[in-house]
Protein backbone atom coordinates (compact mmCIF):
# COMPACT_ATOMS: atom_id res chain seq x y z
CA MET A 1 107.06 122.38 113.52
CA ALA A 2 107.68 119.76 116.13
CA ARG A 3 105.78 116.52 115.84
CA ARG A 4 103.56 115.54 118.70
CA LYS A 5 103.93 112.03 120.06
CA VAL A 6 100.79 109.98 119.53
CA GLU A 7 99.62 107.89 122.45
CA LEU A 8 97.66 104.78 121.53
CA THR A 9 95.06 103.30 123.82
CA LYS A 10 95.42 99.71 125.01
CA GLU A 11 92.69 98.70 122.57
CA GLN A 12 94.48 100.34 119.64
CA GLN A 13 97.77 98.74 120.63
CA GLN A 14 96.09 95.33 120.82
CA LYS A 15 94.46 95.77 117.41
CA ASN A 16 97.78 96.85 115.90
CA ALA A 17 99.52 93.82 117.43
CA GLU A 18 96.85 91.49 115.99
CA ILE A 19 97.15 93.06 112.54
CA LEU A 20 100.94 92.85 112.61
CA ALA A 21 100.78 89.21 113.70
CA ARG A 22 98.37 88.44 110.84
CA LEU A 23 100.62 90.18 108.33
CA GLU A 24 103.68 88.32 109.58
CA ALA A 25 101.84 84.99 109.36
CA GLU A 26 100.76 85.80 105.79
CA ARG A 27 104.33 86.78 104.92
CA GLN A 28 105.68 83.49 106.28
CA ARG A 29 103.04 81.53 104.37
CA LEU A 30 103.95 83.27 101.12
CA ILE A 31 107.66 82.62 101.72
CA GLU A 32 106.98 78.92 102.30
CA GLU A 33 104.80 78.67 99.18
CA THR A 34 107.45 80.41 97.09
CA ARG A 35 110.15 78.07 98.34
CA ALA A 36 107.96 75.06 97.61
CA LEU A 37 107.36 76.26 94.04
CA GLN A 38 111.07 76.89 93.55
CA GLN A 39 111.89 73.40 94.80
CA GLN A 40 109.27 71.92 92.46
CA THR A 41 110.80 73.52 89.40
CA LYS A 42 114.30 72.47 90.44
CA ARG A 43 113.25 68.82 90.83
CA LYS A 44 111.89 68.44 87.30
CA PRO A 45 114.77 66.97 85.29
CA GLY A 46 115.56 68.54 81.97
CA ARG A 47 112.96 71.24 82.32
CA LYS A 48 113.79 74.30 80.31
CA ARG A 49 111.94 77.59 80.39
CA ARG A 50 112.04 77.93 76.61
CA ASN A 51 110.47 74.51 76.11
CA GLN A 52 107.80 75.30 78.68
CA TYR A 53 107.04 78.58 76.90
CA MET A 54 106.74 76.81 73.56
CA ALA A 55 104.41 74.17 75.04
CA ASP A 56 102.20 76.86 76.56
CA SER A 57 101.92 78.79 73.29
CA GLU A 58 101.02 75.63 71.32
CA GLU A 59 98.10 74.88 73.64
CA GLU A 60 96.48 78.27 73.01
């Protein structure tokens, strides 16, 4: 069967554009936060994952 092309109204197109813009903004924010966290961990001198894991398990 052939697919029928769906025509969106102006209102639907506007809503879709707003949603897509919101999603893109959220995506950019998450990317920036991830980069900031990665930079933080790189800046800490001598930090080792194993030592961090051991410190976390001792606190519990």
